[in-house]
Amino acid sequence: MYMSFRDSLEFCMIRRVVPKGKSFDELMQEDIDLMMDHINSYRRKKLNGKSPYEAFCRHHQPHPKTF
């Protein structure tokens, strides 16, 4: 199943903060960072109830060495 970015949850969450027609130029980097932190901490069904942050950390955690 193909889903365009405009149909994605992330796009919808961005549009809640920055409605269509509002310029991103009005936002400071801190505003964008806060918005993206919120989006990336939101749990998703497609990630088995984990947030993107949780999924990333789980996937990239160092593996214990076994001898």
Protein backbone atom coordinates (compact mmCIF):
# COMPACT_ATOMS: atom_id res chain seq x y z
CA MET A 1 0.00 0.00 0.00
CA TYR A 2 1.42 3.36 -1.04
CA MET A 3 0.80 6.41 1.12
CA SER A 4 2.01 9.83 0.12
CA PHE A 5 3.60 12.11 2.70
CA ARG A 6 0.49 14.32 2.60
CA ASP A 7 -1.58 11.36 3.80
CA SER A 8 0.82 10.48 6.60
CA LEU A 9 0.34 11.01 10.30
CA GLU A 10 3.48 13.13 10.39
CA PHE A 11 2.14 15.53 7.77
CA CYS A 12 -1.17 15.86 9.61
CA MET A 13 0.64 16.58 12.89
CA ILE A 14 2.80 19.25 11.23
CA ARG A 15 -0.32 20.86 9.74
CA ARG A 16 -1.88 21.08 13.22
CA VAL A 17 0.97 23.41 14.18
CA VAL A 18 1.49 25.08 10.81
CA PRO A 19 -1.86 25.30 9.00
CA LYS A 20 -1.97 25.37 5.22
CA GLY A 21 -1.16 28.86 4.03
CA LYS A 22 0.99 29.75 7.06
CA SER A 23 4.65 30.24 6.26
CA PHE A 24 7.33 28.13 7.89
CA ASP A 25 9.50 31.24 7.68
CA GLU A 26 7.74 32.57 10.78
CA LEU A 27 9.03 29.67 12.89
CA MET A 28 12.27 29.66 14.81
CA GLN A 29 14.48 26.56 14.76
CA GLU A 30 13.50 25.95 18.39
CA ASP A 31 9.82 25.84 17.34
CA ILE A 32 10.57 23.28 14.64
CA ASP A 33 12.70 21.19 17.03
CA LEU A 34 9.89 21.14 19.60
CA MET A 35 7.32 20.18 16.96
CA MET A 36 9.51 17.35 15.64
CA ASP A 37 10.28 16.11 19.18
CA HIS A 38 6.55 15.88 19.80
CA ILE A 39 5.90 14.08 16.51
CA ASN A 40 8.76 11.63 17.09
CA SER A 41 7.63 10.81 20.63
CA TYR A 42 4.05 10.01 19.53
CA ARG A 43 3.40 6.25 19.67
CA ARG A 44 2.33 4.60 16.43
CA LYS A 45 0.38 1.46 15.71
CA LYS A 46 2.66 0.63 12.77
CA LEU A 47 5.62 0.59 15.20
CA ASN A 48 3.85 -1.86 17.54
CA GLY A 49 2.86 0.91 19.94
CA LYS A 50 6.33 2.42 20.12
CA SER A 51 7.35 5.95 19.25
CA PRO A 52 9.91 6.54 16.50
CA TYR A 53 12.40 7.50 19.24
CA GLU A 54 11.79 4.19 21.06
CA ALA A 55 12.01 2.17 17.84
CA PHE A 56 15.25 3.89 16.84
CA CYS A 57 16.87 3.41 20.25
CA ARG A 58 15.86 -0.24 20.37
CA HIS A 59 17.21 -0.88 16.88
CA HIS A 60 20.49 1.00 17.44
CA GLN A 61 21.35 -0.03 20.99
CA PRO A 62 24.75 -1.59 21.35
CA HIS A 63 24.70 -5.37 21.49
CA PRO A 64 26.42 -6.97 24.46
CA LYS A 65 29.56 -8.84 23.55
CA THR A 66 29.46 -12.56 24.10
CA PHE A 67 32.51 -14.71 24.41
